[in-house]
């Protein structure tokens, strides 16, 4: 649940109207002369002012169908003619072309204007994108209340991403009064449509008893669904359920399986937990070198838990040659993020390291550059607060409070 930076992400509308059957038939025609004839009929109807034919001809130019070369300028020409006849699909497509600068100069104001026209006609996809325009202030002034209005209109038409975003608005009190019950309700509606973030947040609601009655079994149910869609935070939380026996029978092998899936997607929580299981040999054959591998991956992404555990490995010579200077380096980095164990070990090491070793460790720590975090663009709301979210974006940038909440 992190911000999306570009609202125009959905594909242009195609085959929304009955006339689109003509496009489909032509696209599958085997004979070149038949295709040419169908195209000629379509063009003739478009030139006579038939809006649906204009829309379809625009799609043909946009997608390069009927043997036509892709030509965004021609596509825009026909979308515009249909849009001016109040055809919602054409208005939306014209807005997308303005947003992307396809066939014309990019113009976010014009994009929002045309998408707004389609939204006013009740098109859910347009309503969703118009809401995003208001969230990010693209083509319109930022307006959280207007964003909620348009998310709601699309959500009431069962548009899943809008339901998820409306839930987020209720969860954080953005554009609407905070309401955990309403948030859970809309998460549930989006979750039923297989929106992974909504399923994950609904699981959190059940785990924490926010907006719904606390129910560990339901939490596991909803963690599993996005986990099976390869959503790393859900995989990590499902693994935690298996390791703790919360809502499901304790099963270390299953825990390792799901931690590994999340770890391979760079979830630092999972990398640390998987490393710890390699140390203890729970659910997997003990392997200190493999533990170091996963601790290092998390440490390099600025996880203070990973940095501390990697420091312990260097301090004890566990999975790597013993190197107290290198241990000091990692303890310093973890301590700087508030890790209490690391703070204690920094003090202990400083008592026995030489001044040269301390200087070398401090130099290495000063040269460490945390990676730039690329936010997950599948989420849309820029939350003022962050309840019911995975917090990982803040945690991975070094925010100690968020990391503590994550257990890193």
Protein backbone atom coordinates (compact mmCIF):
# COMPACT_ATOMS: atom_id res chain seq x y z
CA UNK A 1 0.00 0.00 0.00
CA UNK A 2 2.41 2.52 -1.28
CA UNK A 3 1.84 5.39 -3.70
CA UNK A 4 1.38 5.01 -7.42
CA UNK A 5 3.14 7.83 -9.22
CA UNK A 6 1.43 7.67 -12.61
CA UNK A 7 -2.34 7.30 -12.62
CA UNK A 8 -2.86 6.38 -16.27
CA UNK A 9 -1.84 2.76 -15.98
CA UNK A 10 -4.81 0.86 -17.30
CA UNK A 11 -5.07 -0.20 -20.92
CA UNK A 12 -7.15 1.71 -23.41
CA UNK A 13 -10.72 0.51 -23.71
CA UNK A 14 -11.30 -1.89 -26.55
CA UNK A 15 -14.30 -3.92 -27.67
CA UNK A 16 -16.64 -2.30 -25.17
CA UNK A 17 -19.54 -1.81 -27.49
CA UNK A 18 -21.59 -4.02 -29.80
CA UNK A 19 -19.86 -2.62 -32.89
CA UNK A 20 -16.60 -4.06 -31.61
CA UNK A 21 -17.72 -7.45 -32.90
CA UNK A 22 -16.92 -6.10 -36.34
CA UNK A 23 -13.34 -5.45 -35.23
CA UNK A 24 -13.01 -8.94 -33.83
CA UNK A 25 -14.42 -10.53 -36.97
CA UNK A 26 -12.08 -8.58 -39.19
CA UNK A 27 -9.08 -9.37 -37.06
CA UNK A 28 -9.67 -13.07 -37.53
CA UNK A 29 -10.46 -12.93 -41.25
CA UNK A 30 -8.11 -15.11 -43.26
CA UNK A 31 -8.46 -13.51 -46.66
CA UNK A 32 -6.70 -10.21 -47.27
CA UNK A 33 -9.43 -8.95 -49.55
CA UNK A 34 -12.05 -9.70 -46.91
CA UNK A 35 -10.07 -7.71 -44.35
CA UNK A 36 -9.69 -4.86 -46.79
CA UNK A 37 -13.43 -4.89 -47.45
CA UNK A 38 -14.29 -4.91 -43.77
CA UNK A 39 -11.87 -2.03 -43.14
CA UNK A 40 -13.39 -0.07 -45.99
CA UNK A 41 -16.86 -0.57 -44.50
CA UNK A 42 -15.63 0.51 -41.10
CA UNK A 43 -13.92 3.60 -42.51
CA UNK A 44 -17.01 4.53 -44.52
CA UNK A 45 -19.22 4.29 -41.46
CA UNK A 46 -16.71 6.30 -39.40
CA UNK A 47 -16.54 9.03 -42.05
CA UNK A 48 -20.34 9.21 -42.04
CA UNK A 49 -20.15 10.07 -38.35
CA UNK A 50 -20.99 6.77 -36.67
CA UNK A 51 -19.40 7.08 -33.24
CA UNK A 52 -18.91 3.36 -32.62
CA UNK A 53 -17.19 2.95 -35.98
CA UNK A 54 -14.99 5.93 -35.20
CA UNK A 55 -14.07 4.32 -31.90
CA UNK A 56 -13.27 0.99 -33.57
CA UNK A 57 -11.25 2.65 -36.32
CA UNK A 58 -9.30 4.52 -33.65
CA UNK A 59 -8.59 1.21 -31.93
CA UNK A 60 -7.47 -0.29 -35.24
CA UNK A 61 -4.94 2.51 -35.74
CA UNK A 62 -3.88 2.38 -32.10
CA UNK A 63 -3.31 -1.38 -32.09
CA UNK A 64 -2.18 -1.83 -35.68
CA UNK A 65 -5.05 -4.11 -36.74
CA UNK A 66 -6.47 -4.83 -40.22
CA UNK A 67 -2.95 -4.63 -41.60
CA UNK A 68 -2.74 -0.98 -40.58
CA UNK A 69 0.52 0.36 -39.19
CA UNK A 70 0.21 1.65 -35.64
CA UNK A 71 -0.52 5.35 -35.95
CA UNK A 72 -1.31 7.17 -32.73
CA UNK A 73 -2.10 10.45 -34.49
CA UNK A 74 -4.78 8.75 -36.59
CA UNK A 75 -6.06 6.90 -33.54
CA UNK A 76 -6.40 10.20 -31.67
CA UNK A 77 -8.20 11.74 -34.64
CA UNK A 78 -10.90 9.07 -34.57
CA UNK A 79 -11.09 8.85 -30.78
CA UNK A 80 -11.66 12.61 -30.72
CA UNK A 81 -14.49 12.48 -33.21
CA UNK A 82 -16.24 9.74 -31.22
CA UNK A 83 -15.48 11.49 -27.93
CA UNK A 84 -17.09 14.69 -29.18
CA UNK A 85 -20.22 12.63 -29.76
CA UNK A 86 -20.13 11.73 -26.07
CA UNK A 87 -18.96 8.12 -26.45
CA UNK A 88 -17.50 7.28 -23.04
CA UNK A 89 -14.94 4.73 -24.23
CA UNK A 90 -13.55 7.18 -26.77
CA UNK A 91 -13.41 9.95 -24.18
CA UNK A 92 -11.45 7.70 -21.85
CA UNK A 93 -9.06 6.58 -24.60
CA UNK A 94 -8.51 10.16 -25.72
CA UNK A 95 -7.70 11.08 -22.15
CA UNK A 96 -5.18 8.23 -21.92
CA UNK A 97 -3.50 9.41 -25.13
CA UNK A 98 -3.20 12.91 -23.68
CA UNK A 99 -1.77 11.46 -20.47
CA UNK A 100 0.84 9.41 -22.34
CA UNK A 101 1.63 11.89 -25.08
CA UNK A 102 0.60 9.42 -27.78
CA UNK A 103 -0.32 11.08 -31.07
CA UNK A 104 -0.11 14.53 -29.47
CA UNK A 105 1.82 16.47 -26.86
CA UNK A 106 1.33 15.24 -23.32
CA UNK A 107 -1.31 17.30 -21.54
CA UNK A 108 -2.45 16.17 -18.08
CA UNK A 109 -5.17 18.82 -17.87
CA UNK A 110 -6.75 17.64 -21.10
CA UNK A 111 -6.31 14.04 -19.96
CA UNK A 112 -8.19 14.66 -16.73
CA UNK A 113 -10.87 16.61 -18.61
CA UNK A 114 -11.68 13.82 -21.07
CA UNK A 115 -11.44 11.08 -18.46
CA UNK A 116 -13.77 13.18 -16.32
CA UNK A 117 -16.32 13.31 -19.13
CA UNK A 118 -16.33 9.52 -19.35
CA UNK A 119 -16.47 9.24 -15.57
CA UNK A 120 -19.56 11.45 -15.46
CA UNK A 121 -21.23 8.97 -17.80
CA UNK A 122 -20.68 6.22 -15.25
CA UNK A 123 -17.69 4.40 -16.70
CA UNK A 124 -15.98 2.70 -13.74
CA UNK A 125 -12.49 2.58 -15.24
CA UNK A 126 -12.65 6.31 -15.92
CA UNK A 127 -13.95 7.00 -12.44
CA UNK A 128 -11.04 5.05 -10.97
CA UNK A 129 -8.47 6.97 -13.02
CA UNK A 130 -10.12 10.31 -12.30
CA UNK A 131 -9.86 9.52 -8.59
CA UNK A 132 -6.14 8.88 -9.06
CA UNK A 133 -5.81 12.25 -10.80
CA UNK A 134 -7.27 13.88 -7.70
CA UNK A 135 -5.01 11.84 -5.41
CA UNK A 136 -1.85 12.92 -7.22
CA UNK A 137 -2.91 16.32 -8.52
CA UNK A 138 -2.36 15.37 -12.14
CA UNK A 139 -4.40 17.61 -14.42
CA UNK A 140 -6.51 18.75 -11.46
CA UNK A 141 -5.77 20.19 -8.04
CA UNK A 142 -5.15 17.57 -5.36
CA UNK A 143 -8.43 16.91 -3.61
CA UNK A 144 -8.81 13.98 -1.23
CA UNK A 145 -12.56 14.43 -0.92
CA UNK A 146 -13.03 14.32 -4.69
CA UNK A 147 -10.78 11.27 -4.86
CA UNK A 148 -13.01 9.48 -2.36
CA UNK A 149 -16.10 10.50 -4.33
CA UNK A 150 -14.81 8.92 -7.54
CA UNK A 151 -13.32 5.85 -5.86
CA UNK A 152 -16.72 5.30 -4.28
CA UNK A 153 -18.60 5.60 -7.57
CA UNK A 154 -16.32 3.05 -9.21
CA UNK A 155 -16.31 0.83 -6.12
CA UNK A 156 -20.09 0.71 -6.13
CA UNK A 157 -19.81 -0.70 -9.66
CA UNK A 158 -17.60 -3.46 -8.27
CA UNK A 159 -14.31 -2.06 -9.60
CA UNK A 160 -11.80 -3.90 -7.41
CA UNK A 161 -8.91 -1.44 -7.27
CA UNK A 162 -11.33 1.36 -6.40
CA UNK A 163 -12.79 -0.74 -3.60
CA UNK A 164 -9.27 -1.29 -2.27
CA UNK A 165 -8.44 2.41 -2.46
CA UNK A 166 -11.71 3.41 -0.84
CA UNK A 167 -10.89 1.01 1.98
CA UNK A 168 -7.48 2.67 2.34
CA UNK A 169 -9.15 6.08 2.55
CA UNK A 170 -11.32 4.84 5.41
CA UNK A 171 -8.36 3.11 7.08
CA UNK A 172 -6.19 6.24 7.21
CA UNK A 173 -8.90 8.94 7.25
CA UNK A 174 -7.96 10.43 3.90
CA UNK A 175 -10.81 12.46 2.39
CA UNK A 176 -13.25 10.78 4.75
CA UNK A 177 -13.52 10.19 8.48
CA UNK A 178 -11.43 7.25 9.63
CA UNK A 179 -13.61 4.16 10.02
CA UNK A 180 -12.05 0.72 10.56
CA UNK A 181 -15.36 -1.08 9.98
CA UNK A 182 -15.92 0.59 6.60
CA UNK A 183 -12.30 -0.06 5.69
CA UNK A 184 -12.68 -3.76 6.44
CA UNK A 185 -15.93 -3.87 4.47
CA UNK A 186 -14.34 -2.47 1.32
CA UNK A 187 -11.18 -4.54 1.74
CA UNK A 188 -13.43 -7.58 1.83
CA UNK A 189 -15.25 -6.59 -1.37
CA UNK A 190 -11.98 -6.03 -3.18
CA UNK A 191 -10.48 -9.19 -1.71
CA UNK A 192 -13.37 -11.22 -3.09
CA UNK A 193 -12.27 -9.97 -6.53
CA UNK A 194 -8.76 -11.28 -5.94
CA UNK A 195 -7.07 -7.91 -5.38
CA UNK A 196 -3.93 -9.06 -3.61
CA UNK A 197 -3.29 -5.93 -1.53
CA UNK A 198 -6.88 -5.99 -0.31
CA UNK A 199 -6.58 -9.65 0.66
CA UNK A 200 -3.38 -8.89 2.55
CA UNK A 201 -4.93 -5.95 4.41
CA UNK A 202 -8.07 -7.92 5.18
CA UNK A 203 -5.85 -10.62 6.71
CA UNK A 204 -4.22 -7.93 8.85
CA UNK A 205 -7.66 -6.75 9.94
CA UNK A 206 -8.53 -10.26 11.10
CA UNK A 207 -5.15 -10.75 12.76
CA UNK A 208 -5.37 -7.46 14.66
CA UNK A 209 -9.13 -7.28 15.16
CA UNK A 210 -9.46 -3.95 13.33
CA UNK A 211 -12.92 -3.41 11.91
CA UNK A 212 -13.73 -7.10 12.31
CA UNK A 213 -13.62 -9.64 15.12
CA UNK A 214 -10.10 -10.98 15.64
CA UNK A 215 -9.87 -14.37 13.93
CA UNK A 216 -6.50 -16.06 13.35
CA UNK A 217 -7.99 -18.71 11.07
CA UNK A 218 -9.57 -16.09 8.81
CA UNK A 219 -6.27 -14.19 8.80
CA UNK A 220 -4.46 -17.29 7.52
CA UNK A 221 -7.15 -17.80 4.87
CA UNK A 222 -6.66 -14.29 3.51
CA UNK A 223 -2.85 -14.34 3.78
CA UNK A 224 -2.82 -17.55 1.74
CA UNK A 225 -4.74 -16.08 -1.20
CA UNK A 226 -2.29 -13.26 -2.03
CA UNK A 227 0.64 -15.49 -1.07
CA UNK A 228 -0.45 -17.83 -3.85
CA UNK A 229 -0.44 -14.78 -6.15
CA UNK A 230 3.24 -14.32 -5.26
CA UNK A 231 2.66 -11.32 -2.97
CA UNK A 232 5.81 -11.33 -0.80
CA UNK A 233 4.46 -9.70 2.36
CA UNK A 234 1.60 -12.17 2.45
CA UNK A 235 4.04 -15.03 1.93
CA UNK A 236 6.12 -13.75 4.83
CA UNK A 237 3.11 -13.41 7.14
CA UNK A 238 1.78 -16.82 6.15
CA UNK A 239 5.19 -18.28 6.99
CA UNK A 240 5.04 -16.54 10.37
CA UNK A 241 1.66 -18.14 11.02
CA UNK A 242 3.12 -21.57 10.27
CA UNK A 243 6.15 -20.93 12.49
CA UNK A 244 4.03 -19.75 15.43
CA UNK A 245 1.04 -22.04 14.94
CA UNK A 246 -1.25 -19.01 14.77
CA UNK A 247 -4.46 -19.88 12.91
CA UNK A 248 -2.89 -23.03 11.50
CA UNK A 249 -1.01 -26.06 12.81
CA UNK A 250 2.66 -25.29 13.43
CA UNK A 251 4.72 -26.57 10.51
CA UNK A 252 8.35 -25.55 10.15
CA UNK A 253 8.69 -27.04 6.67
CA UNK A 254 5.76 -24.95 5.42
CA UNK A 255 7.22 -21.92 7.19
CA UNK A 256 10.53 -22.39 5.37
CA UNK A 257 8.69 -22.82 2.07
CA UNK A 258 6.84 -19.51 2.37
CA UNK A 259 9.75 -17.60 3.90
CA UNK A 260 11.87 -18.71 0.95
CA UNK A 261 9.30 -17.55 -1.60
CA UNK A 262 9.16 -14.13 0.05
CA UNK A 263 12.92 -13.95 0.58
CA UNK A 264 13.54 -14.61 -3.10
CA UNK A 265 11.46 -11.52 -3.79
CA UNK A 266 13.71 -9.43 -1.53
CA UNK A 267 11.39 -9.27 1.48
CA UNK A 268 13.95 -8.47 4.19
CA UNK A 269 11.76 -9.81 7.00
CA UNK A 270 11.62 -13.16 5.27
CA UNK A 271 15.34 -13.14 4.50
CA UNK A 272 16.13 -12.62 8.18
CA UNK A 273 13.66 -15.28 9.30
CA UNK A 274 14.91 -17.78 6.73
CA UNK A 275 18.48 -17.11 7.81
CA UNK A 276 17.49 -17.73 11.43
CA UNK A 277 15.92 -21.07 10.51
CA UNK A 278 19.14 -22.13 8.80
CA UNK A 279 20.95 -21.30 12.05
CA UNK A 280 18.57 -23.39 14.18
CA UNK A 281 17.89 -26.12 11.64
CA UNK A 282 14.11 -25.85 11.98
CA UNK A 283 12.32 -27.03 8.85
CA UNK A 284 15.61 -27.21 6.99
CA UNK A 285 19.05 -28.79 7.38
CA UNK A 286 21.22 -26.51 9.47
CA UNK A 287 23.60 -24.51 7.28
CA UNK A 288 25.48 -21.54 8.72
CA UNK A 289 26.81 -20.43 5.34
CA UNK A 290 23.29 -20.35 3.94
CA UNK A 291 22.18 -18.35 6.98
CA UNK A 292 24.92 -15.80 6.30
CA UNK A 293 23.79 -15.56 2.68
CA UNK A 294 20.28 -14.53 3.70
CA UNK A 295 21.38 -12.26 6.54
CA UNK A 296 23.70 -10.48 4.10
CA UNK A 297 20.92 -9.93 1.56
CA UNK A 298 18.77 -8.29 4.23
CA UNK A 299 21.70 -6.33 5.64
CA UNK A 300 22.57 -4.90 2.26
CA UNK A 301 19.00 -3.63 2.01
CA UNK A 302 19.48 -1.82 5.32
CA UNK A 303 17.51 -4.18 7.53
CA UNK A 304 18.88 -3.60 11.04
CA UNK A 305 17.90 -7.14 11.99
CA UNK A 306 19.90 -8.50 9.04
CA UNK A 307 22.84 -6.25 9.86
CA UNK A 308 22.86 -7.30 13.49
CA UNK A 309 22.62 -11.03 12.68
CA UNK A 310 25.37 -10.72 10.07
CA UNK A 311 27.51 -8.96 12.66
CA UNK A 312 26.96 -11.83 15.09
CA UNK A 313 28.08 -14.30 12.43
CA UNK A 314 31.31 -12.36 11.85
CA UNK A 315 31.87 -11.95 15.58
CA UNK A 316 31.50 -15.69 16.24
CA UNK A 317 32.96 -16.99 12.98
CA UNK A 318 29.68 -18.71 12.21
CA UNK A 319 29.31 -19.39 8.47
CA UNK A 320 32.14 -16.94 7.72
CA UNK A 321 35.72 -16.51 8.95
CA UNK A 322 35.78 -14.67 12.26
CA UNK A 323 36.33 -10.94 11.70
CA UNK A 324 35.57 -8.61 14.59
CA UNK A 325 36.27 -5.50 12.52
CA UNK A 326 33.62 -6.55 10.03
CA UNK A 327 31.30 -7.47 12.90
CA UNK A 328 31.85 -3.98 14.35
CA UNK A 329 30.94 -2.46 10.98
CA UNK A 330 27.58 -4.25 10.87
CA UNK A 331 26.85 -3.61 14.55
CA UNK A 332 27.45 0.10 13.99
CA UNK A 333 25.00 0.16 11.09
CA UNK A 334 22.34 -1.73 13.03
CA UNK A 335 22.89 0.36 16.17
CA UNK A 336 22.44 3.55 14.17
CA UNK A 337 18.92 2.33 13.41
CA UNK A 338 18.13 1.69 17.06
CA UNK A 339 18.87 -2.03 17.33
CA UNK A 340 19.45 -2.56 21.05
CA UNK A 341 21.45 -5.78 20.71
CA UNK A 342 23.78 -4.06 18.26
CA UNK A 343 24.26 -1.11 20.62
CA UNK A 344 25.34 -3.46 23.37
CA UNK A 345 27.72 -5.36 21.10
CA UNK A 346 29.26 -2.12 19.81
CA UNK A 347 30.13 -1.22 23.38
CA UNK A 348 31.57 -4.67 24.08
CA UNK A 349 33.66 -4.74 20.89
CA UNK A 350 35.02 -1.24 21.40
CA UNK A 351 36.58 -2.41 24.67
CA UNK A 352 38.73 -5.00 22.94
CA UNK A 353 39.31 -3.70 19.40
CA UNK A 354 42.45 -1.74 18.65
CA UNK A 355 42.11 1.88 17.60
CA UNK A 356 43.03 0.84 14.05
CA UNK A 357 40.31 -1.83 14.01
CA UNK A 358 37.74 0.64 15.33
CA UNK A 359 38.72 3.18 12.70
CA UNK A 360 38.49 0.57 9.94
CA UNK A 361 35.04 -0.57 11.09
CA UNK A 362 33.81 3.01 11.34
CA UNK A 363 35.14 3.75 7.88
CA UNK A 364 33.31 0.78 6.37
CA UNK A 365 30.09 1.78 8.11
CA UNK A 366 30.41 5.36 6.84
CA UNK A 367 30.82 4.09 3.27
CA UNK A 368 27.67 1.96 3.37
CA UNK A 369 24.99 3.37 1.10
CA UNK A 370 21.44 2.10 1.63
CA UNK A 371 19.71 1.14 -1.62
CA UNK A 372 17.06 3.35 -3.14
CA UNK A 373 13.68 1.79 -2.46
CA UNK A 374 11.37 1.45 -5.46
CA UNK A 375 7.85 1.70 -4.12
CA UNK A 376 5.25 -0.83 -5.17
CA UNK A 377 3.21 0.91 -7.84
CA UNK A 378 0.32 -1.45 -7.53
CA UNK A 379 -1.05 0.66 -4.69
CA UNK A 380 -2.52 4.06 -5.05
CA UNK A 381 -3.20 5.90 -1.83
CA UNK A 382 -0.58 8.19 -0.35
CA UNK A 383 -1.51 7.51 3.25
CA UNK A 384 -1.05 10.20 5.87
CA UNK A 385 -0.87 7.39 8.41
CA UNK A 386 -0.10 3.77 7.74
CA UNK A 387 -2.31 1.44 9.79
CA UNK A 388 -3.01 -2.00 8.39
CA UNK A 389 -0.17 -1.70 5.91
CA UNK A 390 3.00 -3.68 5.43
CA UNK A 391 5.22 -0.74 6.55
CA UNK A 392 8.08 -2.28 4.60
CA UNK A 393 8.73 0.79 2.43
CA UNK A 394 9.51 2.90 5.51
CA UNK A 395 11.33 0.08 7.23
CA UNK A 396 13.66 -0.55 4.31
CA UNK A 397 14.64 3.12 4.20
CA UNK A 398 15.93 2.77 7.75
CA UNK A 399 12.99 3.96 9.83
CA UNK A 400 13.66 2.18 13.15
CA UNK A 401 10.12 2.48 14.49
CA UNK A 402 8.68 0.82 11.39
CA UNK A 403 11.32 -1.88 11.51
CA UNK A 404 10.52 -2.58 15.15
CA UNK A 405 6.84 -2.94 14.25
CA UNK A 406 7.85 -5.40 11.54
CA UNK A 407 10.02 -7.34 13.98
CA UNK A 408 13.16 -6.74 11.98
